[in-house]
């Protein structure tokens, strides 16, 4: 694998982790309001 591949993979993982964190945050807020 070239360095570019590693960079793209790292950025993709960061993006996925970011979206996952936002989704969890939204779910937590939703359940808090629902409660």
C-alpha atoms as a PDB file:
ATOM      1  CA  UNK A   1       0.000   0.000   0.000  1.00  0.00           C
ATOM      2  CA  UNK A   2       1.189   3.491  -0.762  1.00  0.00           C
ATOM      3  CA  UNK A   3       1.171   6.397   1.663  1.00  0.00           C
ATOM      4  CA  UNK A   4      -1.828   7.862  -0.180  1.00  0.00           C
ATOM      5  CA  UNK A   5      -3.846   4.721   0.563  1.00  0.00           C
ATOM      6  CA  UNK A   6      -3.034   4.961   4.261  1.00  0.00           C
ATOM      7  CA  UNK A   7      -4.012   8.645   4.336  1.00  0.00           C
ATOM      8  CA  UNK A   8      -7.307   7.964   2.545  1.00  0.00           C
ATOM      9  CA  UNK A   9      -8.091   5.069   4.869  1.00  0.00           C
ATOM     10  CA  UNK A  10      -7.283   7.149   7.943  1.00  0.00           C
ATOM     11  CA  UNK A  11      -9.436  10.053   6.774  1.00  0.00           C
ATOM     12  CA  UNK A  12     -12.310   7.688   5.953  1.00  0.00           C
ATOM     13  CA  UNK A  13     -12.110   6.117   9.414  1.00  0.00           C
ATOM     14  CA  UNK A  14     -12.049   9.570  11.011  1.00  0.00           C
ATOM     15  CA  UNK A  15     -15.121  10.606   9.018  1.00  0.00           C
ATOM     16  CA  UNK A  16     -16.979   7.422   9.977  1.00  0.00           C
ATOM     17  CA  UNK A  17     -16.035   7.901  13.634  1.00  0.00           C
ATOM     18  CA  UNK A  18     -17.195  11.542  13.454  1.00  0.00           C
ATOM     19  CA  UNK A  19     -20.578  10.629  11.969  1.00  0.00           C
ATOM     20  CA  UNK A  20     -20.949   7.802  14.499  1.00  0.00           C
ATOM     21  CA  UNK A  21     -20.258  10.202  17.384  1.00  0.00           C
ATOM     22  CA  UNK A  22     -22.783  12.716  16.030  1.00  0.00           C
ATOM     23  CA  UNK A  23     -25.405   9.988  15.623  1.00  0.00           C
ATOM     24  CA  UNK A  24     -24.866   8.733  19.185  1.00  0.00           C
ATOM     25  CA  UNK A  25     -25.036  12.313  20.464  1.00  0.00           C
ATOM     26  CA  UNK A  26     -28.320  12.895  18.638  1.00  0.00           C
ATOM     27  CA  UNK A  27     -29.770   9.618  19.923  1.00  0.00           C
ATOM     28  CA  UNK A  28     -28.762  10.454  23.499  1.00  0.00           C
ATOM     29  CA  UNK A  29     -30.380  13.887  23.213  1.00  0.00           C
ATOM     30  CA  UNK A  30     -33.527  12.384  21.681  1.00  0.00           C
ATOM     31  CA  UNK A  31     -33.877   9.831  24.467  1.00  0.00           C
ATOM     32  CA  UNK A  32     -33.235  12.485  27.105  1.00  0.00           C
ATOM     33  CA  UNK A  33     -36.043  14.636  25.700  1.00  0.00           C
ATOM     34  CA  UNK A  34     -38.237  11.555  25.279  1.00  0.00           C
ATOM     35  CA  UNK A  35     -37.751  10.751  28.943  1.00  0.00           C
END
